[in-house]
């Protein structure tokens, strides 16, 4: 009989059991309601590099729009009627956003990825009574990675609202579930890297207006990223190449924890 392994030698899980259960159930919900085929055949792991976000800009607004268009393309929703606006121009603040109404033209969830070289003007946009607004603060352009992650999270919220689908646990988990959905769109590295920003000793280098407001913790996002990569068959080096160095040990922890749930992982792969 094998000797019992002392508890202090057992691998420590990255997230608690309830959090892991929530993420797994929400991923199952995403795959069932938001285009299973899109995820497994076309969704890519987005990296904060010029390869994914090319383009030259001459102004803050151009930079914000370029990042937005790339983010929208990778989400598979370039054909949806999104409209980007600056909070400075609208007079709104980051806590005051326009709540969109569900529109019948967008009720059927269907995403399409478009080739990188395709011009935005070449994509036919679905006509609706009202556009779907996404707002940004110009100071967010100081951190392009954070800005793209913020865009992805808001785009995911629009997608959920238009679908009329409630996440596991109900509407009280709307924000958390939308961040899981954004990660399932391929933005897990960006979401993980921007989930926490060190404020520094005196706060003189910390600009709250340039940071995104995460719904999931840093470790939750890393766990979600590891699950995404496990489902997509993405190897460790590809998954962590652009992840913050101090998060890479956490990613390993997440992989070990997920490997103990292989039946659940396989069940997710068979959902349709």
C-alpha atoms as a PDB file:
ATOM      1  CA  UNK A   1       0.000   0.000   0.000  1.00  0.00           C
ATOM      2  CA  UNK A   2       1.381   3.390  -1.014  1.00  0.00           C
ATOM      3  CA  UNK A   3       2.206   5.734   1.796  1.00  0.00           C
ATOM      4  CA  UNK A   4       0.015   8.784   2.069  1.00  0.00           C
ATOM      5  CA  UNK A   5       1.548  11.923   0.598  1.00  0.00           C
ATOM      6  CA  UNK A   6       1.962  14.616   3.266  1.00  0.00           C
ATOM      7  CA  UNK A   7      -0.413  17.502   2.641  1.00  0.00           C
ATOM      8  CA  UNK A   8       2.438  20.020   2.390  1.00  0.00           C
ATOM      9  CA  UNK A   9       3.878  18.062  -0.573  1.00  0.00           C
ATOM     10  CA  UNK A  10       0.625  17.989  -2.529  1.00  0.00           C
ATOM     11  CA  UNK A  11       0.339  20.493  -5.397  1.00  0.00           C
ATOM     12  CA  UNK A  12      -1.613  23.519  -4.245  1.00  0.00           C
ATOM     13  CA  UNK A  13      -4.591  24.381  -6.464  1.00  0.00           C
ATOM     14  CA  UNK A  14      -4.460  27.794  -8.063  1.00  0.00           C
ATOM     15  CA  UNK A  15      -8.126  28.578  -7.426  1.00  0.00           C
ATOM     16  CA  UNK A  16     -10.580  27.159  -4.918  1.00  0.00           C
ATOM     17  CA  UNK A  17     -13.046  24.417  -5.835  1.00  0.00           C
ATOM     18  CA  UNK A  18     -16.039  26.754  -6.147  1.00  0.00           C
ATOM     19  CA  UNK A  19     -14.181  29.052  -8.529  1.00  0.00           C
ATOM     20  CA  UNK A  20     -12.981  26.133 -10.658  1.00  0.00           C
ATOM     21  CA  UNK A  21     -16.531  24.769 -10.809  1.00  0.00           C
ATOM     22  CA  UNK A  22     -17.874  28.173 -11.853  1.00  0.00           C
ATOM     23  CA  UNK A  23     -15.300  28.550 -14.622  1.00  0.00           C
ATOM     24  CA  UNK A  24     -15.888  25.045 -15.965  1.00  0.00           C
ATOM     25  CA  UNK A  25     -19.674  25.462 -15.947  1.00  0.00           C
ATOM     26  CA  UNK A  26     -19.430  28.896 -17.568  1.00  0.00           C
ATOM     27  CA  UNK A  27     -17.114  27.589 -20.286  1.00  0.00           C
ATOM     28  CA  UNK A  28     -19.659  24.827 -20.987  1.00  0.00           C
ATOM     29  CA  UNK A  29     -22.367  27.496 -21.217  1.00  0.00           C
ATOM     30  CA  UNK A  30     -20.222  29.550 -23.616  1.00  0.00           C
ATOM     31  CA  UNK A  31     -19.592  26.579 -25.893  1.00  0.00           C
ATOM     32  CA  UNK A  32     -23.280  25.683 -25.957  1.00  0.00           C
ATOM     33  CA  UNK A  33     -24.530  29.194 -26.683  1.00  0.00           C
ATOM     34  CA  UNK A  34     -21.808  31.210 -28.421  1.00  0.00           C
ATOM     35  CA  UNK A  35     -20.615  29.236 -31.416  1.00  0.00           C
ATOM     36  CA  UNK A  36     -18.820  26.007 -30.584  1.00  0.00           C
ATOM     37  CA  UNK A  37     -17.426  25.778 -34.122  1.00  0.00           C
ATOM     38  CA  UNK A  38     -15.982  29.290 -33.988  1.00  0.00           C
ATOM     39  CA  UNK A  39     -14.055  28.422 -30.840  1.00  0.00           C
ATOM     40  CA  UNK A  40     -12.568  25.136 -32.002  1.00  0.00           C
ATOM     41  CA  UNK A  41     -11.898  25.971 -35.649  1.00  0.00           C
ATOM     42  CA  UNK A  42     -11.064  29.684 -35.868  1.00  0.00           C
ATOM     43  CA  UNK A  43     -10.456  31.284 -32.462  1.00  0.00           C
ATOM     44  CA  UNK A  44      -6.779  32.073 -31.815  1.00  0.00           C
ATOM     45  CA  UNK A  45      -4.835  32.964 -28.703  1.00  0.00           C
ATOM     46  CA  UNK A  46      -4.259  36.702 -29.084  1.00  0.00           C
ATOM     47  CA  UNK A  47      -0.858  38.078 -28.115  1.00  0.00           C
ATOM     48  CA  UNK A  48       0.034  41.717 -27.342  1.00  0.00           C
ATOM     49  CA  UNK A  49       2.358  42.033 -30.330  1.00  0.00           C
ATOM     50  CA  UNK A  50       2.590  43.959 -33.579  1.00  0.00           C
ATOM     51  CA  UNK A  51       1.716  40.771 -35.428  1.00  0.00           C
ATOM     52  CA  UNK A  52      -1.759  40.891 -33.900  1.00  0.00           C
ATOM     53  CA  UNK A  53      -2.092  44.660 -33.608  1.00  0.00           C
ATOM     54  CA  UNK A  54      -0.326  46.198 -36.626  1.00  0.00           C
ATOM     55  CA  UNK A  55      -0.817  49.732 -37.822  1.00  0.00           C
ATOM     56  CA  UNK A  56       0.656  53.196 -37.601  1.00  0.00           C
ATOM     57  CA  UNK A  57      -1.278  55.957 -35.870  1.00  0.00           C
ATOM     58  CA  UNK A  58      -0.842  59.696 -35.510  1.00  0.00           C
ATOM     59  CA  UNK A  59      -3.276  60.448 -32.689  1.00  0.00           C
ATOM     60  CA  UNK A  60      -4.711  59.033 -29.479  1.00  0.00           C
ATOM     61  CA  UNK A  61      -8.111  58.485 -31.089  1.00  0.00           C
ATOM     62  CA  UNK A  62      -6.551  56.699 -34.068  1.00  0.00           C
ATOM     63  CA  UNK A  63      -4.685  54.419 -31.689  1.00  0.00           C
ATOM     64  CA  UNK A  64      -7.873  53.640 -29.743  1.00  0.00           C
ATOM     65  CA  UNK A  65      -9.772  52.898 -32.947  1.00  0.00           C
ATOM     66  CA  UNK A  66      -7.018  50.719 -34.439  1.00  0.00           C
ATOM     67  CA  UNK A  67      -6.842  48.595 -31.290  1.00  0.00           C
ATOM     68  CA  UNK A  68     -10.638  48.381 -31.265  1.00  0.00           C
ATOM     69  CA  UNK A  69     -10.903  47.221 -34.880  1.00  0.00           C
ATOM     70  CA  UNK A  70      -8.338  44.471 -34.326  1.00  0.00           C
ATOM     71  CA  UNK A  71     -10.071  43.388 -31.112  1.00  0.00           C
ATOM     72  CA  UNK A  72     -13.423  43.338 -32.864  1.00  0.00           C
ATOM     73  CA  UNK A  73     -12.006  41.252 -35.713  1.00  0.00           C
ATOM     74  CA  UNK A  74     -10.565  38.614 -33.368  1.00  0.00           C
ATOM     75  CA  UNK A  75     -13.837  38.429 -31.445  1.00  0.00           C
ATOM     76  CA  UNK A  76     -15.553  37.373 -34.674  1.00  0.00           C
ATOM     77  CA  UNK A  77     -17.973  40.301 -34.539  1.00  0.00           C
ATOM     78  CA  UNK A  78     -16.583  42.697 -37.104  1.00  0.00           C
ATOM     79  CA  UNK A  79     -19.943  42.500 -38.902  1.00  0.00           C
ATOM     80  CA  UNK A  80     -21.899  43.719 -35.865  1.00  0.00           C
ATOM     81  CA  UNK A  81     -22.927  47.413 -35.641  1.00  0.00           C
ATOM     82  CA  UNK A  82     -20.413  48.535 -33.019  1.00  0.00           C
ATOM     83  CA  UNK A  83     -19.549  52.197 -32.616  1.00  0.00           C
ATOM     84  CA  UNK A  84     -16.525  53.403 -30.655  1.00  0.00           C
ATOM     85  CA  UNK A  85     -16.771  56.655 -28.706  1.00  0.00           C
ATOM     86  CA  UNK A  86     -14.440  58.604 -26.463  1.00  0.00           C
ATOM     87  CA  UNK A  87     -15.680  59.290 -22.927  1.00  0.00           C
ATOM     88  CA  UNK A  88     -14.182  62.763 -23.239  1.00  0.00           C
ATOM     89  CA  UNK A  89     -16.432  63.550 -26.214  1.00  0.00           C
ATOM     90  CA  UNK A  90     -19.568  62.130 -24.597  1.00  0.00           C
ATOM     91  CA  UNK A  91     -19.083  63.574 -21.134  1.00  0.00           C
ATOM     92  CA  UNK A  92     -19.648  60.142 -19.590  1.00  0.00           C
ATOM     93  CA  UNK A  93     -17.339  58.498 -17.084  1.00  0.00           C
ATOM     94  CA  UNK A  94     -16.084  54.917 -16.897  1.00  0.00           C
ATOM     95  CA  UNK A  95     -18.852  53.992 -14.432  1.00  0.00           C
ATOM     96  CA  UNK A  96     -21.631  55.396 -16.642  1.00  0.00           C
ATOM     97  CA  UNK A  97     -22.190  53.344 -19.767  1.00  0.00           C
ATOM     98  CA  UNK A  98     -25.147  53.180 -22.148  1.00  0.00           C
ATOM     99  CA  UNK A  99     -27.171  50.025 -21.559  1.00  0.00           C
ATOM    100  CA  UNK A 100     -28.103  48.576 -24.960  1.00  0.00           C
ATOM    101  CA  UNK A 101     -31.447  46.980 -25.713  1.00  0.00           C
ATOM    102  CA  UNK A 102     -31.666  43.518 -27.310  1.00  0.00           C
ATOM    103  CA  UNK A 103     -32.238  43.830 -31.049  1.00  0.00           C
ATOM    104  CA  UNK A 104     -33.914  41.044 -33.043  1.00  0.00           C
ATOM    105  CA  UNK A 105     -31.356  41.247 -35.860  1.00  0.00           C
ATOM    106  CA  UNK A 106     -28.633  40.224 -33.404  1.00  0.00           C
ATOM    107  CA  UNK A 107     -30.574  37.655 -31.372  1.00  0.00           C
ATOM    108  CA  UNK A 108     -29.144  34.667 -33.225  1.00  0.00           C
ATOM    109  CA  UNK A 109     -25.576  34.190 -32.057  1.00  0.00           C
ATOM    110  CA  UNK A 110     -23.339  33.716 -35.042  1.00  0.00           C
ATOM    111  CA  UNK A 111     -19.729  34.836 -35.127  1.00  0.00           C
ATOM    112  CA  UNK A 112     -17.385  34.976 -38.081  1.00  0.00           C
ATOM    113  CA  UNK A 113     -13.654  35.538 -38.034  1.00  0.00           C
ATOM    114  CA  UNK A 114     -12.219  37.596 -40.844  1.00  0.00           C
ATOM    115  CA  UNK A 115      -8.769  37.385 -42.431  1.00  0.00           C
ATOM    116  CA  UNK A 116      -6.189  39.778 -41.020  1.00  0.00           C
ATOM    117  CA  UNK A 117      -5.725  41.517 -44.350  1.00  0.00           C
ATOM    118  CA  UNK A 118      -9.420  42.205 -44.928  1.00  0.00           C
ATOM    119  CA  UNK A 119     -10.251  45.918 -44.854  1.00  0.00           C
ATOM    120  CA  UNK A 120     -12.844  46.920 -42.279  1.00  0.00           C
ATOM    121  CA  UNK A 121     -14.867  48.665 -44.989  1.00  0.00           C
ATOM    122  CA  UNK A 122     -15.138  45.352 -46.883  1.00  0.00           C
ATOM    123  CA  UNK A 123     -17.149  43.674 -44.133  1.00  0.00           C
ATOM    124  CA  UNK A 124     -20.947  44.055 -44.500  1.00  0.00           C
ATOM    125  CA  UNK A 125     -22.326  45.324 -41.199  1.00  0.00           C
ATOM    126  CA  UNK A 126     -25.706  44.157 -39.898  1.00  0.00           C
ATOM    127  CA  UNK A 127     -28.192  47.023 -39.984  1.00  0.00           C
ATOM    128  CA  UNK A 128     -29.978  47.750 -36.695  1.00  0.00           C
ATOM    129  CA  UNK A 129     -32.024  50.613 -35.233  1.00  0.00           C
ATOM    130  CA  UNK A 130     -29.284  51.442 -32.758  1.00  0.00           C
ATOM    131  CA  UNK A 131     -25.521  50.891 -32.813  1.00  0.00           C
ATOM    132  CA  UNK A 132     -23.768  49.048 -30.000  1.00  0.00           C
ATOM    133  CA  UNK A 133     -21.644  51.636 -28.242  1.00  0.00           C
ATOM    134  CA  UNK A 134     -18.220  50.944 -26.782  1.00  0.00           C
ATOM    135  CA  UNK A 135     -16.543  53.739 -24.821  1.00  0.00           C
ATOM    136  CA  UNK A 136     -12.912  54.374 -24.008  1.00  0.00           C
ATOM    137  CA  UNK A 137     -10.928  56.856 -21.975  1.00  0.00           C
ATOM    138  CA  UNK A 138      -8.063  58.376 -24.009  1.00  0.00           C
ATOM    139  CA  UNK A 139      -5.692  57.698 -21.110  1.00  0.00           C
ATOM    140  CA  UNK A 140      -6.290  53.975 -21.646  1.00  0.00           C
ATOM    141  CA  UNK A 141      -4.246  54.191 -24.839  1.00  0.00           C
ATOM    142  CA  UNK A 142      -1.174  54.432 -22.594  1.00  0.00           C
ATOM    143  CA  UNK A 143      -1.652  50.691 -22.028  1.00  0.00           C
ATOM    144  CA  UNK A 144      -2.749  49.135 -25.353  1.00  0.00           C
ATOM    145  CA  UNK A 145      -2.876  45.620 -23.864  1.00  0.00           C
ATOM    146  CA  UNK A 146      -5.244  46.756 -21.117  1.00  0.00           C
ATOM    147  CA  UNK A 147      -7.339  48.663 -23.640  1.00  0.00           C
ATOM    148  CA  UNK A 148      -7.797  45.645 -25.905  1.00  0.00           C
ATOM    149  CA  UNK A 149      -8.723  43.510 -22.890  1.00  0.00           C
ATOM    150  CA  UNK A 150     -11.281  46.144 -21.842  1.00  0.00           C
ATOM    151  CA  UNK A 151     -12.737  46.218 -25.338  1.00  0.00           C
ATOM    152  CA  UNK A 152     -12.976  42.416 -25.427  1.00  0.00           C
ATOM    153  CA  UNK A 153     -14.802  42.374 -22.100  1.00  0.00           C
ATOM    154  CA  UNK A 154     -17.336  45.007 -23.226  1.00  0.00           C
ATOM    155  CA  UNK A 155     -17.833  43.261 -26.584  1.00  0.00           C
ATOM    156  CA  UNK A 156     -18.553  40.025 -24.697  1.00  0.00           C
ATOM    157  CA  UNK A 157     -21.136  41.860 -22.582  1.00  0.00           C
ATOM    158  CA  UNK A 158     -22.873  43.109 -25.732  1.00  0.00           C
ATOM    159  CA  UNK A 159     -22.864  39.581 -27.111  1.00  0.00           C
ATOM    160  CA  UNK A 160     -24.487  38.235 -23.943  1.00  0.00           C
ATOM    161  CA  UNK A 161     -27.133  40.980 -23.838  1.00  0.00           C
ATOM    162  CA  UNK A 162     -28.102  40.427 -27.463  1.00  0.00           C
ATOM    163  CA  UNK A 163     -28.287  36.668 -26.961  1.00  0.00           C
ATOM    164  CA  UNK A 164     -30.658  36.922 -24.002  1.00  0.00           C
ATOM    165  CA  UNK A 165     -28.804  34.019 -22.388  1.00  0.00           C
ATOM    166  CA  UNK A 166     -28.297  34.006 -18.628  1.00  0.00           C
ATOM    167  CA  UNK A 167     -24.995  32.564 -17.361  1.00  0.00           C
ATOM    168  CA  UNK A 168     -24.735  29.794 -14.748  1.00  0.00           C
ATOM    169  CA  UNK A 169     -25.913  31.224 -11.446  1.00  0.00           C
ATOM    170  CA  UNK A 170     -28.056  33.873 -13.107  1.00  0.00           C
ATOM    171  CA  UNK A 171     -27.756  37.562 -13.892  1.00  0.00           C
ATOM    172  CA  UNK A 172     -25.752  38.322 -10.731  1.00  0.00           C
ATOM    173  CA  UNK A 173     -22.780  36.656 -12.429  1.00  0.00           C
ATOM    174  CA  UNK A 174     -23.172  38.607 -15.676  1.00  0.00           C
ATOM    175  CA  UNK A 175     -19.889  40.545 -15.374  1.00  0.00           C
ATOM    176  CA  UNK A 176     -17.811  37.517 -14.362  1.00  0.00           C
ATOM    177  CA  UNK A 177     -19.332  35.335 -17.082  1.00  0.00           C
ATOM    178  CA  UNK A 178     -18.688  37.993 -19.722  1.00  0.00           C
ATOM    179  CA  UNK A 179     -15.004  38.000 -18.792  1.00  0.00           C
ATOM    180  CA  UNK A 180     -14.936  34.209 -19.203  1.00  0.00           C
ATOM    181  CA  UNK A 181     -16.562  34.685 -22.612  1.00  0.00           C
ATOM    182  CA  UNK A 182     -13.922  37.283 -23.548  1.00  0.00           C
ATOM    183  CA  UNK A 183     -11.202  34.807 -22.607  1.00  0.00           C
ATOM    184  CA  UNK A 184     -12.907  32.147 -24.732  1.00  0.00           C
ATOM    185  CA  UNK A 185     -12.679  34.593 -27.641  1.00  0.00           C
ATOM    186  CA  UNK A 186      -8.904  34.336 -27.328  1.00  0.00           C
ATOM    187  CA  UNK A 187      -8.018  37.286 -25.082  1.00  0.00           C
ATOM    188  CA  UNK A 188      -6.864  35.278 -22.049  1.00  0.00           C
ATOM    189  CA  UNK A 189      -3.260  36.497 -22.082  1.00  0.00           C
ATOM    190  CA  UNK A 190      -4.338  40.139 -22.303  1.00  0.00           C
ATOM    191  CA  UNK A 191      -6.969  39.678 -19.591  1.00  0.00           C
ATOM    192  CA  UNK A 192      -4.486  37.947 -17.271  1.00  0.00           C
ATOM    193  CA  UNK A 193      -1.747  40.522 -17.804  1.00  0.00           C
ATOM    194  CA  UNK A 194      -4.128  43.415 -17.129  1.00  0.00           C
ATOM    195  CA  UNK A 195      -6.057  41.940 -14.191  1.00  0.00           C
ATOM    196  CA  UNK A 196      -3.770  43.571 -11.645  1.00  0.00           C
ATOM    197  CA  UNK A 197      -1.586  46.663 -11.804  1.00  0.00           C
ATOM    198  CA  UNK A 198       0.996  47.355  -9.115  1.00  0.00           C
ATOM    199  CA  UNK A 199       0.383  50.805  -7.661  1.00  0.00           C
ATOM    200  CA  UNK A 200       3.907  51.401  -6.372  1.00  0.00           C
ATOM    201  CA  UNK A 201       4.997  52.720  -3.010  1.00  0.00           C
ATOM    202  CA  UNK A 202       3.715  56.270  -3.385  1.00  0.00           C
ATOM    203  CA  UNK A 203       1.285  55.786  -6.259  1.00  0.00           C
ATOM    204  CA  UNK A 204       3.058  58.404  -8.369  1.00  0.00           C
ATOM    205  CA  UNK A 205       3.405  55.996 -11.309  1.00  0.00           C
ATOM    206  CA  UNK A 206      -0.093  54.561 -11.027  1.00  0.00           C
ATOM    207  CA  UNK A 207      -2.742  55.884 -13.401  1.00  0.00           C
ATOM    208  CA  UNK A 208      -6.117  54.360 -12.552  1.00  0.00           C
ATOM    209  CA  UNK A 209      -7.683  55.845 -15.688  1.00  0.00           C
ATOM    210  CA  UNK A 210      -5.246  53.833 -17.819  1.00  0.00           C
ATOM    211  CA  UNK A 211      -6.079  50.492 -16.181  1.00  0.00           C
ATOM    212  CA  UNK A 212      -8.988  48.221 -16.898  1.00  0.00           C
ATOM    213  CA  UNK A 213     -11.447  47.145 -14.215  1.00  0.00           C
ATOM    214  CA  UNK A 214     -11.378  43.315 -14.069  1.00  0.00           C
ATOM    215  CA  UNK A 215     -14.318  41.180 -12.972  1.00  0.00           C
ATOM    216  CA  UNK A 216     -12.192  38.091 -12.285  1.00  0.00           C
ATOM    217  CA  UNK A 217      -9.067  37.968 -10.161  1.00  0.00           C
ATOM    218  CA  UNK A 218      -5.621  37.613 -11.633  1.00  0.00           C
ATOM    219  CA  UNK A 219      -5.495  33.922 -10.675  1.00  0.00           C
ATOM    220  CA  UNK A 220      -8.998  33.298 -12.032  1.00  0.00           C
ATOM    221  CA  UNK A 221      -7.912  34.701 -15.389  1.00  0.00           C
ATOM    222  CA  UNK A 222      -4.761  32.568 -15.443  1.00  0.00           C
ATOM    223  CA  UNK A 223      -6.837  29.475 -14.664  1.00  0.00           C
ATOM    224  CA  UNK A 224      -9.249  30.418 -17.454  1.00  0.00           C
ATOM    225  CA  UNK A 225      -6.321  30.905 -19.839  1.00  0.00           C
ATOM    226  CA  UNK A 226      -4.949  27.460 -18.970  1.00  0.00           C
ATOM    227  CA  UNK A 227      -8.338  25.862 -19.609  1.00  0.00           C
ATOM    228  CA  UNK A 228      -8.646  27.662 -22.950  1.00  0.00           C
ATOM    229  CA  UNK A 229      -5.217  26.393 -24.004  1.00  0.00           C
ATOM    230  CA  UNK A 230      -6.007  22.863 -22.796  1.00  0.00           C
ATOM    231  CA  UNK A 231      -9.144  22.800 -24.927  1.00  0.00           C
ATOM    232  CA  UNK A 232      -7.329  24.253 -27.947  1.00  0.00           C
ATOM    233  CA  UNK A 233      -4.233  22.049 -27.583  1.00  0.00           C
ATOM    234  CA  UNK A 234      -1.909  25.043 -27.188  1.00  0.00           C
ATOM    235  CA  UNK A 235       1.464  24.112 -25.683  1.00  0.00           C
ATOM    236  CA  UNK A 236       3.012  25.711 -22.605  1.00  0.00           C
ATOM    237  CA  UNK A 237       5.570  27.901 -24.361  1.00  0.00           C
ATOM    238  CA  UNK A 238       3.027  29.312 -26.792  1.00  0.00           C
ATOM    239  CA  UNK A 239       0.586  29.988 -23.961  1.00  0.00           C
ATOM    240  CA  UNK A 240       3.060  31.707 -21.660  1.00  0.00           C
ATOM    241  CA  UNK A 241       5.442  33.452 -24.083  1.00  0.00           C
ATOM    242  CA  UNK A 242       3.658  36.783 -23.614  1.00  0.00           C
ATOM    243  CA  UNK A 243       2.311  36.162 -20.118  1.00  0.00           C
ATOM    244  CA  UNK A 244       3.873  38.239 -17.337  1.00  0.00           C
ATOM    245  CA  UNK A 245       6.820  36.294 -15.931  1.00  0.00           C
ATOM    246  CA  UNK A 246       5.546  36.186 -12.378  1.00  0.00           C
ATOM    247  CA  UNK A 247       2.285  34.604 -13.643  1.00  0.00           C
ATOM    248  CA  UNK A 248       3.982  31.656 -15.350  1.00  0.00           C
ATOM    249  CA  UNK A 249       4.345  29.559 -12.149  1.00  0.00           C
ATOM    250  CA  UNK A 250       0.629  30.204 -11.540  1.00  0.00           C
ATOM    251  CA  UNK A 251      -0.110  28.949 -15.048  1.00  0.00           C
ATOM    252  CA  UNK A 252       1.713  25.711 -14.221  1.00  0.00           C
ATOM    253  CA  UNK A 253      -0.398  25.383 -11.082  1.00  0.00           C
ATOM    254  CA  UNK A 254      -3.529  25.855 -13.151  1.00  0.00           C
ATOM    255  CA  UNK A 255      -2.475  23.174 -15.639  1.00  0.00           C
ATOM    256  CA  UNK A 256      -1.918  20.671 -12.810  1.00  0.00           C
ATOM    257  CA  UNK A 257      -5.304  21.504 -11.324  1.00  0.00           C
ATOM    258  CA  UNK A 258      -7.054  21.178 -14.689  1.00  0.00           C
ATOM    259  CA  UNK A 259      -5.326  17.854 -15.387  1.00  0.00           C
ATOM    260  CA  UNK A 260      -7.189  16.459 -12.378  1.00  0.00           C
ATOM    261  CA  UNK A 261     -10.444  17.234 -14.198  1.00  0.00           C
ATOM    262  CA  UNK A 262      -9.723  15.484 -17.483  1.00  0.00           C
ATOM    263  CA  UNK A 263     -13.207  13.971 -17.702  1.00  0.00           C
ATOM    264  CA  UNK A 264     -14.712  17.463 -17.498  1.00  0.00           C
ATOM    265  CA  UNK A 265     -12.231  18.727 -20.089  1.00  0.00           C
ATOM    266  CA  UNK A 266     -13.186  15.896 -22.463  1.00  0.00           C
ATOM    267  CA  UNK A 267     -16.872  16.568 -21.842  1.00  0.00           C
ATOM    268  CA  UNK A 268     -16.353  20.201 -22.879  1.00  0.00           C
ATOM    269  CA  UNK A 269     -14.721  19.078 -26.117  1.00  0.00           C
ATOM    270  CA  UNK A 270     -17.770  16.988 -26.983  1.00  0.00           C
ATOM    271  CA  UNK A 271     -20.357  19.703 -26.400  1.00  0.00           C
ATOM    272  CA  UNK A 272     -22.246  20.865 -29.454  1.00  0.00           C
END
